[in-house]
Amino acid sequence: MLTTLKVNEVFTFKLNSGEELIAKVTHTEGDFITIAEPVSIAPGQQGLQMIPSVFTANPKEDFKLNTNSIAMVAQTDDSIKVKYIEATTGIQVPEKKLILG
């Protein structure tokens, strides 16, 4: 992989199937990347939405992603990363504001 995957960072993965998912990387080794709390991106009536990537397993467990199934990897945009954190943890991330004095 040309993109350096950092543990505990959130990345966007475009899979060979065309699916796009966002997940936190927890471990990298060989042909697999261990990810946590993966969500898929799907179009909805209000625009793009995050939906669970796995419905029949515990979403709080780690998952193995085969690197052979990945077409592209990129760091997730900060505005999307905030929405991902809110969706997976329920924590509202405060808006960054610049204080001028």
Protein backbone atom coordinates (compact mmCIF):
# COMPACT_ATOMS: atom_id res chain seq x y z
CA MET A 1 0.00 0.00 0.00
CA LEU A 2 1.34 3.39 -0.93
CA THR A 3 -0.79 5.23 1.62
CA THR A 4 0.68 4.85 5.08
CA LEU A 5 -2.02 3.46 7.30
CA LYS A 6 -1.71 4.70 10.85
CA VAL A 7 -3.17 2.73 13.74
CA ASN A 8 -6.11 4.44 15.48
CA GLU A 9 -6.68 6.75 12.50
CA VAL A 10 -9.85 6.84 10.38
CA PHE A 11 -9.52 6.03 6.67
CA THR A 12 -11.80 5.81 3.66
CA PHE A 13 -11.56 2.60 1.63
CA LYS A 14 -12.93 2.20 -1.89
CA LEU A 15 -13.32 -1.51 -2.51
CA ASN A 16 -13.03 -3.33 -5.84
CA SER A 17 -16.80 -3.95 -5.61
CA GLY A 18 -17.42 -0.18 -5.76
CA GLU A 19 -18.48 0.02 -2.11
CA GLU A 20 -16.99 2.84 -0.07
CA LEU A 21 -16.46 2.37 3.63
CA ILE A 22 -15.00 4.33 6.50
CA ALA A 23 -13.29 2.61 9.41
CA LYS A 24 -10.69 3.06 12.12
CA VAL A 25 -7.51 1.05 11.48
CA THR A 26 -6.47 -0.95 14.53
CA HIS A 27 -3.68 -3.12 13.06
CA THR A 28 -1.89 -3.73 9.77
CA GLU A 29 -0.12 -6.96 8.91
CA GLY A 30 0.56 -8.72 5.62
CA ASP A 31 -2.46 -9.09 3.37
CA PHE A 32 -4.96 -7.91 5.97
CA ILE A 33 -5.86 -4.67 7.71
CA THR A 34 -7.72 -4.93 10.99
CA ILE A 35 -10.46 -2.32 11.18
CA ALA A 36 -13.00 -1.27 13.80
CA GLU A 37 -16.55 0.04 13.44
CA PRO A 38 -16.79 0.00 9.63
CA VAL A 39 -19.62 1.96 8.06
CA SER A 40 -20.61 1.97 4.40
CA ILE A 41 -21.55 5.07 2.47
CA ALA A 42 -24.90 4.93 0.68
CA PRO A 43 -27.00 7.54 -1.10
CA GLY A 44 -30.21 8.50 0.69
CA GLN A 45 -32.97 11.07 0.42
CA GLN A 46 -30.95 13.65 2.39
CA GLY A 47 -27.68 12.89 0.56
CA LEU A 48 -24.95 10.44 1.52
CA GLN A 49 -25.55 8.41 4.67
CA MET A 50 -23.47 6.11 6.85
CA ILE A 51 -24.94 2.66 7.38
CA PRO A 52 -23.49 -0.34 9.21
CA SER A 53 -21.24 -2.44 6.95
CA VAL A 54 -22.09 -5.66 8.81
CA PHE A 55 -25.57 -6.56 10.01
CA THR A 56 -25.10 -10.10 11.35
CA ALA A 57 -22.01 -9.64 13.54
CA ASN A 58 -21.21 -7.54 16.59
CA PRO A 59 -20.33 -4.09 15.13
CA LYS A 60 -18.03 -3.37 18.09
CA GLU A 61 -15.66 -6.25 17.22
CA ASP A 62 -12.63 -5.84 14.95
CA PHE A 63 -12.84 -7.00 11.33
CA LYS A 64 -10.18 -8.12 8.86
CA LEU A 65 -10.12 -6.37 5.49
CA ASN A 66 -8.21 -8.15 2.73
CA THR A 67 -5.87 -5.69 1.00
CA ASN A 68 -6.52 -7.46 -2.33
CA SER A 69 -10.11 -6.18 -2.24
CA ILE A 70 -9.10 -2.52 -1.86
CA ALA A 71 -8.97 -0.30 -4.95
CA MET A 72 -8.17 2.99 -3.17
CA VAL A 73 -7.33 4.25 0.32
CA ALA A 74 -7.41 7.84 1.51
CA GLN A 75 -7.45 9.74 4.76
CA THR A 76 -11.03 10.62 5.56
CA ASP A 77 -11.95 14.29 5.19
CA ASP A 78 -12.16 16.01 8.59
CA SER A 79 -15.84 16.98 8.22
CA ILE A 80 -16.76 13.38 7.38
CA LYS A 81 -14.51 12.06 10.17
CA VAL A 82 -16.50 14.15 12.67
CA LYS A 83 -19.75 12.59 11.41
CA TYR A 84 -18.16 9.11 11.62
CA ILE A 85 -17.14 9.69 15.26
CA GLU A 86 -20.65 10.92 16.08
CA ALA A 87 -22.23 7.90 14.32
CA THR A 88 -20.00 5.28 15.97
CA THR A 89 -19.64 6.70 19.47
CA GLY A 90 -22.62 9.02 19.96
CA ILE A 91 -20.20 11.75 21.05
CA GLN A 92 -20.93 15.18 19.62
CA VAL A 93 -17.68 16.73 18.43
CA PRO A 94 -17.66 20.50 19.05
CA GLU A 95 -17.11 22.75 16.09
CA LYS A 96 -13.60 24.19 15.88
CA LYS A 97 -13.66 27.94 16.40
CA LEU A 98 -10.87 30.44 16.17
CA ILE A 99 -10.72 32.95 19.00
CA LEU A 100 -9.30 36.31 18.03
CA GLY A 101 -8.40 38.75 20.75
